[in-house]
Structure formats: C-alpha cells, structure tokens
PDB file of N, CA and C in Angstrom:
ATOM      1  N   MET A   1      -2.229 -13.790 -10.730  1.00  0.00           N
ATOM      2  CA  MET A   1      -2.995 -12.417 -10.227  1.00  0.00           C
ATOM      3  C   MET A   1      -4.150 -11.698 -10.730  1.00  0.00           C
ATOM      4  N   GLY A   2      -5.264 -11.835  -9.747  1.00  0.00           N
ATOM      5  CA  GLY A   2      -6.320 -11.106 -10.035  1.00  0.00           C
ATOM      6  C   GLY A   2      -6.206  -9.841 -10.449  1.00  0.00           C
ATOM      7  N   LYS A   3      -7.199  -9.337 -11.563  1.00  0.00           N
ATOM      8  CA  LYS A   3      -7.079  -7.967 -11.729  1.00  0.00           C
ATOM      9  C   LYS A   3      -7.231  -6.867 -10.475  1.00  0.00           C
ATOM     10  N   HIS A   4      -8.014  -7.470  -9.212  1.00  0.00           N
ATOM     11  CA  HIS A   4      -8.214  -6.570  -8.323  1.00  0.00           C
ATOM     12  C   HIS A   4      -6.632  -6.351  -7.613  1.00  0.00           C
ATOM     13  N   ARG A   5      -6.159  -7.665  -7.306  1.00  0.00           N
ATOM     14  CA  ARG A   5      -4.753  -7.431  -6.532  1.00  0.00           C
ATOM     15  C   ARG A   5      -3.937  -6.902  -7.597  1.00  0.00           C
ATOM     16  N   GLU A   6      -3.780  -7.016  -8.908  1.00  0.00           N
ATOM     17  CA  GLU A   6      -2.838  -6.248  -9.646  1.00  0.00           C
ATOM     18  C   GLU A   6      -3.147  -4.714  -9.561  1.00  0.00           C
ATOM     19  N   HIS A   7      -4.373  -4.199  -9.613  1.00  0.00           N
ATOM     20  CA  HIS A   7      -4.840  -2.598  -9.308  1.00  0.00           C
ATOM     21  C   HIS A   7      -3.980  -2.208  -8.148  1.00  0.00           C
ATOM     22  N   ILE A   8      -4.464  -3.163  -7.051  1.00  0.00           N
ATOM     23  CA  ILE A   8      -3.545  -3.018  -5.621  1.00  0.00           C
ATOM     24  C   ILE A   8      -2.027  -2.631  -5.712  1.00  0.00           C
ATOM     25  N   ALA A   9      -1.505  -3.698  -6.293  1.00  0.00           N
ATOM     26  CA  ALA A   9      -0.151  -3.882  -6.384  1.00  0.00           C
ATOM     27  C   ALA A   9       0.340  -2.461  -7.147  1.00  0.00           C
ATOM     28  N   LYS A  10      -0.287  -2.344  -8.522  1.00  0.00           N
ATOM     29  CA  LYS A  10       0.394  -1.403  -8.860  1.00  0.00           C
ATOM     30  C   LYS A  10       0.370   0.152  -8.085  1.00  0.00           C
ATOM     31  N   THR A  11      -0.824   0.237  -7.456  1.00  0.00           N
ATOM     32  CA  THR A  11      -1.139   1.757  -6.768  1.00  0.00           C
ATOM     33  C   THR A  11      -0.252   1.749  -5.503  1.00  0.00           C
ATOM     34  N   ILE A  12      -0.233   0.426  -5.120  1.00  0.00           N
ATOM     35  CA  ILE A  12       0.717   0.946  -3.990  1.00  0.00           C
ATOM     36  C   ILE A  12       2.048   0.958  -3.985  1.00  0.00           C
ATOM     37  N   SER A  13       3.007   0.568  -5.341  1.00  0.00           N
ATOM     38  CA  SER A  13       3.839   0.759  -5.686  1.00  0.00           C
ATOM     39  C   SER A  13       4.517   2.312  -6.461  1.00  0.00           C
ATOM     40  N   TYR A  14       3.500   2.614  -6.757  1.00  0.00           N
ATOM     41  CA  TYR A  14       3.200   4.108  -7.927  1.00  0.00           C
ATOM     42  C   TYR A  14       3.390   5.108  -6.673  1.00  0.00           C
ATOM     43  N   TYR A  15       2.090   5.072  -5.892  1.00  0.00           N
ATOM     44  CA  TYR A  15       2.217   6.148  -4.797  1.00  0.00           C
ATOM     45  C   TYR A  15       3.389   6.138  -3.457  1.00  0.00           C
ATOM     46  N   ARG A  16       4.048   4.536  -3.240  1.00  0.00           N
ATOM     47  CA  ARG A  16       4.764   4.789  -2.528  1.00  0.00           C
ATOM     48  C   ARG A  16       6.306   5.600  -2.809  1.00  0.00           C
ATOM     49  N   LYS A  17       6.555   5.065  -4.393  1.00  0.00           N
ATOM     50  CA  LYS A  17       7.380   5.925  -5.243  1.00  0.00           C
ATOM     51  C   LYS A  17       7.211   7.125  -5.524  1.00  0.00           C
ATOM     52  N   SER A  18       6.045   7.580  -5.743  1.00  0.00           N
ATOM     53  CA  SER A  18       5.385   9.006  -6.041  1.00  0.00           C
ATOM     54  C   SER A  18       6.340  10.024  -4.499  1.00  0.00           C
ATOM     55  N   LEU A  19       5.801   9.486  -3.449  1.00  0.00           N
ATOM     56  CA  LEU A  19       6.521   9.639  -2.017  1.00  0.00           C
ATOM     57  C   LEU A  19       7.540   9.570  -1.505  1.00  0.00           C
ATOM     58  N   GLY A  20       8.179   9.273  -2.515  1.00  0.00           N
ATOM     59  CA  GLY A  20       9.954   9.036  -2.170  1.00  0.00           C
ATOM     60  C   GLY A  20      10.185   8.053  -0.819  1.00  0.00           C
ATOM     61  N   ILE A  21       9.585   7.154  -1.029  1.00  0.00           N
ATOM     62  CA  ILE A  21       9.789   6.505   0.412  1.00  0.00           C
ATOM     63  C   ILE A  21       9.905   5.153   0.652  1.00  0.00           C
ATOM     64  N   LYS A  22      11.066   4.203   0.389  1.00  0.00           N
ATOM     65  CA  LYS A  22      11.468   2.943   0.654  1.00  0.00           C
ATOM     66  C   LYS A  22      10.090   1.825   1.048  1.00  0.00           C
ATOM     67  N   GLN A  23      10.339   1.003   0.552  1.00  0.00           N
ATOM     68  CA  GLN A  23       9.014  -0.040   1.328  1.00  0.00           C
ATOM     69  C   GLN A  23       9.338  -0.204   2.621  1.00  0.00           C
ATOM     70  N   SER A  24      10.598  -0.106   3.100  1.00  0.00           N
ATOM     71  CA  SER A  24      11.115  -0.379   4.900  1.00  0.00           C
ATOM     72  C   SER A  24      10.009   1.147   5.747  1.00  0.00           C
ATOM     73  N   ASP A  25      10.109   2.248   4.578  1.00  0.00           N
ATOM     74  CA  ASP A  25       9.849   3.184   5.445  1.00  0.00           C
ATOM     75  C   ASP A  25       8.214   3.320   5.677  1.00  0.00           C
ATOM     76  N   LEU A  26       7.453   2.558   4.458  1.00  0.00           N
ATOM     77  CA  LEU A  26       5.993   2.484   4.468  1.00  0.00           C
ATOM     78  C   LEU A  26       5.846   1.385   5.770  1.00  0.00           C
ATOM     79  N   ALA A  27       6.365   0.617   5.821  1.00  0.00           N
ATOM     80  CA  ALA A  27       6.057  -0.597   6.708  1.00  0.00           C
ATOM     81  C   ALA A  27       6.062   0.103   8.128  1.00  0.00           C
ATOM     82  N   LYS A  28       6.974   1.016   8.156  1.00  0.00           N
ATOM     83  CA  LYS A  28       7.090   1.411   9.583  1.00  0.00           C
ATOM     84  C   LYS A  28       5.765   2.147  10.028  1.00  0.00           C
ATOM     85  N   LYS A  29       5.296   3.131   8.767  1.00  0.00           N
ATOM     86  CA  LYS A  29       4.105   3.448   9.276  1.00  0.00           C
ATOM     87  C   LYS A  29       3.175   3.251   9.270  1.00  0.00           C
ATOM     88  N   LEU A  30       2.904   1.866   8.812  1.00  0.00           N
ATOM     89  CA  LEU A  30       1.656   0.884   8.655  1.00  0.00           C
ATOM     90  C   LEU A  30       2.021   0.026   9.802  1.00  0.00           C
ATOM     91  N   ASN A  31       2.536   0.052  10.248  1.00  0.00           N
ATOM     92  CA  ASN A  31       3.177  -1.001  11.593  1.00  0.00           C
ATOM     93  C   ASN A  31       3.042  -2.584  10.617  1.00  0.00           C
ATOM     94  N   VAL A  32       3.639  -2.937  10.042  1.00  0.00           N
ATOM     95  CA  VAL A  32       4.322  -4.485   8.935  1.00  0.00           C
ATOM     96  C   VAL A  32       5.413  -4.508   8.855  1.00  0.00           C
ATOM     97  N   ALA A  33       5.630  -5.508   8.479  1.00  0.00           N
ATOM     98  CA  ALA A  33       6.768  -6.105   8.331  1.00  0.00           C
ATOM     99  C   ALA A  33       7.205  -5.754   6.647  1.00  0.00           C
ATOM    100  N   PRO A  34       8.662  -5.079   6.685  1.00  0.00           N
ATOM    101  CA  PRO A  34       8.896  -4.830   4.906  1.00  0.00           C
ATOM    102  C   PRO A  34       8.413  -5.578   4.292  1.00  0.00           C
ATOM    103  N   SER A  35       8.275  -7.184   4.225  1.00  0.00           N
ATOM    104  CA  SER A  35       8.292  -8.389   3.527  1.00  0.00           C
ATOM    105  C   SER A  35       6.681  -8.067   3.165  1.00  0.00           C
ATOM    106  N   SER A  36       5.837  -7.704   3.964  1.00  0.00           N
ATOM    107  CA  SER A  36       4.659  -7.609   3.613  1.00  0.00           C
ATOM    108  C   SER A  36       4.539  -6.224   2.352  1.00  0.00           C
ATOM    109  N   ILE A  37       4.792  -4.944   2.593  1.00  0.00           N
ATOM    110  CA  ILE A  37       4.843  -4.306   1.231  1.00  0.00           C
ATOM    111  C   ILE A  37       5.184  -4.916   0.190  1.00  0.00           C
ATOM    112  N   SER A  38       6.492  -5.864   0.515  1.00  0.00           N
ATOM    113  CA  SER A  38       7.120  -6.288  -0.721  1.00  0.00           C
ATOM    114  C   SER A  38       6.033  -7.154  -1.641  1.00  0.00           C
ATOM    115  N   ALA A  39       5.376  -7.626  -0.899  1.00  0.00           N
ATOM    116  CA  ALA A  39       4.313  -8.839  -1.070  1.00  0.00           C
ATOM    117  C   ALA A  39       3.117  -8.194  -1.626  1.00  0.00           C
ATOM    118  N   TRP A  40       2.689  -7.007  -1.173  1.00  0.00           N
ATOM    119  CA  TRP A  40       1.924  -6.422  -1.608  1.00  0.00           C
ATOM    120  C   TRP A  40       1.919  -5.787  -2.827  1.00  0.00           C
ATOM    121  N   GLU A  41       3.399  -5.217  -3.322  1.00  0.00           N
ATOM    122  CA  GLU A  41       3.800  -4.517  -4.457  1.00  0.00           C
ATOM    123  C   GLU A  41       3.856  -5.672  -5.624  1.00  0.00           C
ATOM    124  N   ASN A  42       4.222  -6.530  -5.340  1.00  0.00           N
ATOM    125  CA  ASN A  42       4.648  -8.043  -6.450  1.00  0.00           C
ATOM    126  C   ASN A  42       2.793  -8.780  -6.549  1.00  0.00           C
ATOM    127  N   GLY A  43       2.430  -8.451  -5.937  1.00  0.00           N
ATOM    128  CA  GLY A  43       0.859  -9.236  -5.836  1.00  0.00           C
ATOM    129  C   GLY A  43       0.491 -10.515  -5.336  1.00  0.00           C
ATOM    130  N   SER A  44       1.586 -10.981  -4.810  1.00  0.00           N
ATOM    131  CA  SER A  44       1.554 -12.592  -4.098  1.00  0.00           C
ATOM    132  C   SER A  44       0.784 -12.100  -2.783  1.00  0.00           C
ATOM    133  N   ASN A  45       0.153 -10.940  -2.361  1.00  0.00           N
ATOM    134  CA  ASN A  45      -0.213 -11.149  -1.173  1.00  0.00           C
ATOM    135  C   ASN A  45      -1.110  -9.340  -1.189  1.00  0.00           C
ATOM    136  N   ALA A  46      -2.134  -8.975  -0.554  1.00  0.00           N
ATOM    137  CA  ALA A  46      -2.652  -7.711  -0.595  1.00  0.00           C
ATOM    138  C   ALA A  46      -3.296  -7.547   1.048  1.00  0.00           C
ATOM    139  N   PRO A  47      -3.100  -6.228   0.924  1.00  0.00           N
ATOM    140  CA  PRO A  47      -3.571  -5.363   2.255  1.00  0.00           C
ATOM    141  C   PRO A  47      -4.664  -6.165   3.033  1.00  0.00           C
ATOM    142  N   ASP A  48      -4.728  -6.057   4.376  1.00  0.00           N
ATOM    143  CA  ASP A  48      -6.446  -6.359   4.640  1.00  0.00           C
ATOM    144  C   ASP A  48      -6.961  -5.183   5.237  1.00  0.00           C
ATOM    145  N   ILE A  49      -8.125  -5.114   5.264  1.00  0.00           N
ATOM    146  CA  ILE A  49      -8.836  -3.762   5.264  1.00  0.00           C
ATOM    147  C   ILE A  49      -8.588  -3.102   6.795  1.00  0.00           C
ATOM    148  N   GLU A  50      -8.447  -4.268   7.708  1.00  0.00           N
ATOM    149  CA  GLU A  50      -7.732  -3.736   9.187  1.00  0.00           C
ATOM    150  C   GLU A  50      -6.479  -2.994   9.037  1.00  0.00           C
ATOM    151  N   THR A  51      -5.697  -3.389   8.276  1.00  0.00           N
ATOM    152  CA  THR A  51      -4.224  -2.641   7.962  1.00  0.00           C
ATOM    153  C   THR A  51      -4.564  -1.127   7.850  1.00  0.00           C
ATOM    154  N   LEU A  52      -5.428  -1.234   6.585  1.00  0.00           N
ATOM    155  CA  LEU A  52      -5.521   0.302   6.009  1.00  0.00           C
ATOM    156  C   LEU A  52      -6.378   0.767   7.158  1.00  0.00           C
ATOM    157  N   ASP A  53      -7.361   0.547   7.667  1.00  0.00           N
ATOM    158  CA  ASP A  53      -8.112   1.141   8.507  1.00  0.00           C
ATOM    159  C   ASP A  53      -7.161   1.428   9.716  1.00  0.00           C
ATOM    160  N   ASN A  54      -6.019   0.834  10.051  1.00  0.00           N
ATOM    161  CA  ASN A  54      -5.678   1.254  11.160  1.00  0.00           C
ATOM    162  C   ASN A  54      -4.378   2.239  10.794  1.00  0.00           C
ATOM    163  N   SER A  55      -3.927   2.087   9.485  1.00  0.00           N
ATOM    164  CA  SER A  55      -3.108   3.399   9.307  1.00  0.00           C
ATOM    165  C   SER A  55      -3.832   4.340   8.938  1.00  0.00           C
ATOM    166  N   LEU A  56      -4.949   4.880   8.335  1.00  0.00           N
ATOM    167  CA  LEU A  56      -5.908   5.914   8.278  1.00  0.00           C
ATOM    168  C   LEU A  56      -6.025   6.190   9.785  1.00  0.00           C
ATOM    169  N   GLY A  57      -6.673   5.286  11.056  1.00  0.00           N
ATOM    170  CA  GLY A  57      -6.539   5.962  12.201  1.00  0.00           C
ATOM    171  C   GLY A  57      -5.705   6.607  13.217  1.00  0.00           C
ATOM    172  N   LYS A  58      -4.589   6.184  12.443  1.00  0.00           N
ATOM    173  CA  LYS A  58      -3.277   6.929  13.045  1.00  0.00           C
ATOM    174  C   LYS A  58      -2.962   8.438  12.304  1.00  0.00           C
ATOM    175  N   GLY A  59      -3.836   8.449  11.760  1.00  0.00           N
ATOM    176  CA  GLY A  59      -3.617   9.569  10.675  1.00  0.00           C
ATOM    177  C   GLY A  59      -2.313   9.987  10.013  1.00  0.00           C
ATOM    178  N   SER A  60      -1.586   8.520   9.325  1.00  0.00           N
ATOM    179  CA  SER A  60      -0.535   8.665   8.956  1.00  0.00           C
ATOM    180  C   SER A  60      -0.673   9.177   7.758  1.00  0.00           C
ATOM    181  N   ASN A  61      -0.898  10.116   7.128  1.00  0.00           N
ATOM    182  CA  ASN A  61      -1.224  11.008   5.696  1.00  0.00           C
ATOM    183  C   ASN A  61      -0.699   9.686   4.875  1.00  0.00           C
ATOM    184  N   ILE A  62      -0.779   8.732   4.642  1.00  0.00           N
ATOM    185  CA  ILE A  62      -0.530   7.914   3.355  1.00  0.00           C
ATOM    186  C   ILE A  62      -1.453   8.019   2.362  1.00  0.00           C
ATOM    187  N   PHE A  63      -1.471   7.561   1.380  1.00  0.00           N
ATOM    188  CA  PHE A  63      -2.457   7.549   0.125  1.00  0.00           C
ATOM    189  C   PHE A  63      -3.678   6.541   0.358  1.00  0.00           C
ATOM    190  N   PHE A  64      -3.832   6.286   1.199  1.00  0.00           N
ATOM    191  CA  PHE A  64      -5.067   5.062   1.240  1.00  0.00           C
ATOM    192  C   PHE A  64      -6.320   5.676   1.094  1.00  0.00           C
ATOM    193  N   THR A  65      -6.710   6.555   1.596  1.00  0.00           N
ATOM    194  CA  THR A  65      -7.908   7.312   1.375  1.00  0.00           C
ATOM    195  C   THR A  65      -8.557   6.838  -0.132  1.00  0.00           C
ATOM    196  N   SER A  66      -8.039   7.629  -0.323  1.00  0.00           N
ATOM    197  CA  SER A  66      -8.439   7.651  -2.225  1.00  0.00           C
ATOM    198  C   SER A  66      -7.754   7.033  -3.358  1.00  0.00           C
ATOM    199  N   SER A  67      -6.735   6.597  -3.430  1.00  0.00           N
ATOM    200  CA  SER A  67      -5.964   6.080  -4.290  1.00  0.00           C
ATOM    201  C   SER A  67      -6.343   4.511  -5.070  1.00  0.00           C
ATOM    202  N   PHE A  68      -7.079   3.571  -4.028  1.00  0.00           N
ATOM    203  CA  PHE A  68      -7.912   2.716  -4.425  1.00  0.00           C
ATOM    204  C   PHE A  68      -9.167   2.581  -5.889  1.00  0.00           C
ATOM    205  N   MET A  69      -9.708   3.835  -5.669  1.00  0.00           N
ATOM    206  CA  MET A  69     -10.534   4.084  -6.583  1.00  0.00           C
ATOM    207  C   MET A  69     -10.025   4.248  -7.978  1.00  0.00           C
ATOM    208  N   PHE A  70      -9.165   4.499  -8.348  1.00  0.00           N
ATOM    209  CA  PHE A  70      -8.593   5.202  -9.142  1.00  0.00           C
ATOM    210  C   PHE A  70      -6.972   4.531  -9.846  1.00  0.00           C
ATOM    211  N   PRO A  71      -6.982   4.687 -11.314  1.00  0.00           N
ATOM    212  CA  PRO A  71      -5.478   3.491 -11.376  1.00  0.00           C
ATOM    213  C   PRO A  71      -4.440   4.546 -11.505  1.00  0.00           C
ATOM    214  N   PRO A  72      -3.002   3.789 -11.106  1.00  0.00           N
ATOM    215  CA  PRO A  72      -2.266   5.050 -11.186  1.00  0.00           C
ATOM    216  C   PRO A  72      -2.171   5.331 -12.677  1.00  0.00           C
ATOM    217  N   PRO A  73      -1.576   7.067 -12.487  1.00  0.00           N
ATOM    218  CA  PRO A  73      -1.468   7.813 -13.735  1.00  0.00           C
ATOM    219  C   PRO A  73      -0.355   6.921 -14.703  1.00  0.00           C
TER     220      PRO A  73
END
C-alpha cells in the first residue's frame, strides 16, 4: 500500500469511528456500497474524487472537507 493510500485509509477509519458510525452508515451517507468503505479503510482501494465531491455537495456533514490534509491524531 502506498503512503497516500495508507493515509487515506487511516483517516477514513479514524474519523468514522470518532463519529461513532458503522461502515454501513457511512456508506449510506456517501451512497456507496459498504464494501467500498471497508476497502477504503483497509487500503485496498481509495475513494475517487467524484465520490468525495458528491458527498460534500449533498451537505452530508462528513469529515472529508479538511481531514485529508492532516494525519489522524
């Protein structure tokens, strides 16, 4: 797994858990399959920019706006 993909995986997992939601809940909010969230969190895949853009366009109060700029605590 590349350094960027690892960062994305850790960030998604950290912030999802800090929000107290399940992978299936996040999947519903982003209109993707729960298996996509799992793949993002284990680093076997990463979200595409359209998915992130669509989630922000829906006003989904999810963490994507700035969380990828900073490592999870």
